[in-house]
Protein backbone atom coordinates (compact mmCIF):
# COMPACT_ATOMS: atom_id res chain seq x y z
CA MET A 1 -36.00 -12.65 20.08
CA GLY A 2 -32.22 -12.42 20.29
CA THR A 3 -28.96 -13.77 19.14
CA VAL A 4 -25.75 -13.84 20.93
CA VAL A 5 -22.34 -13.60 19.26
CA GLU A 6 -18.83 -13.26 20.47
CA GLY A 7 -15.60 -12.48 18.68
CA ASP A 8 -13.64 -9.71 17.15
CA TRP A 9 -15.24 -6.25 17.25
CA ASP A 10 -14.87 -5.54 13.46
CA ARG A 11 -16.14 -8.97 12.48
CA ILE A 12 -19.20 -8.81 14.83
CA MET A 13 -20.22 -5.33 13.50
CA LEU A 14 -19.82 -6.68 9.98
CA VAL A 15 -22.07 -9.62 10.83
CA ALA A 16 -24.71 -7.29 12.47
CA LYS A 17 -24.80 -5.09 9.41
CA GLN A 18 -25.10 -8.08 7.07
CA CYS A 19 -27.96 -9.47 9.11
CA HIS A 20 -29.76 -6.13 9.19
CA GLN A 21 -29.41 -5.69 5.41
CA ALA A 22 -30.59 -9.21 4.73
CA ILE A 23 -33.74 -8.78 6.59
CA LEU A 24 -34.34 -5.42 5.06
CA LYS A 25 -34.54 -7.11 1.63
CA SER A 26 -37.82 -8.74 2.77
CA ALA A 27 -39.31 -5.98 4.98
CA GLU A 28 -40.11 -2.30 4.71
CA ARG A 29 -38.85 -1.58 8.17
CA VAL A 30 -36.22 -3.24 10.34
CA MET A 31 -35.15 -2.25 13.90
CA THR A 32 -31.74 -3.67 15.01
CA THR A 33 -30.80 -3.30 18.64
CA ILE A 34 -27.28 -4.14 19.71
CA ARG A 35 -26.20 -4.61 23.41
CA ILE A 36 -22.53 -4.92 24.01
CA ASP A 37 -21.11 -6.75 27.05
CA ASP A 38 -17.33 -5.97 26.93
CA ARG A 39 -15.34 -7.36 29.93
CA THR A 40 -11.80 -6.87 30.74
CA ASP A 41 -11.66 -9.10 33.86
CA LYS A 42 -12.22 -12.43 31.93
CA PRO A 43 -11.22 -13.79 28.53
CA ASP A 44 -13.75 -12.87 25.81
CA LEU A 45 -13.81 -16.03 23.67
CA GLY A 46 -15.57 -19.10 24.93
CA ARG A 47 -17.98 -17.44 27.24
CA ILE A 48 -21.03 -18.63 25.26
CA ALA A 49 -19.73 -22.20 25.28
CA GLN A 50 -19.18 -21.97 29.12
CA LYS A 51 -22.76 -20.79 29.55
CA VAL A 52 -24.16 -23.60 27.57
CA GLN A 53 -22.11 -26.11 29.47
CA SER A 54 -23.27 -24.62 32.75
CA LEU A 55 -26.89 -24.94 31.69
CA GLU A 56 -26.43 -28.47 30.49
CA ALA A 57 -24.90 -29.36 33.81
CA ARG A 58 -27.89 -27.83 35.78
CA LEU A 59 -30.35 -29.64 33.49
CA GLY A 60 -28.46 -32.90 33.68
CA LYS A 61 -28.64 -33.34 29.87
CA PRO A 62 -27.16 -31.82 26.71
CA LEU A 63 -29.08 -29.23 24.82
CA LYS A 64 -30.22 -29.86 21.20
CA ARG A 65 -27.94 -28.13 18.72
């Protein structure tokens, strides 16, 4: 399982905290693992959209959203 997000550092950390706390309300134990891919050679925003477009091009059809 995984979720990919991109954006401002502080906003992402806030979202991660909110997600963790929301799940903790319905479980006795929650493990949250965060991996950070921080690049300085390419613009940060829009990388997820580019990856989706690349996959759609390879498949020859749009993905369900």
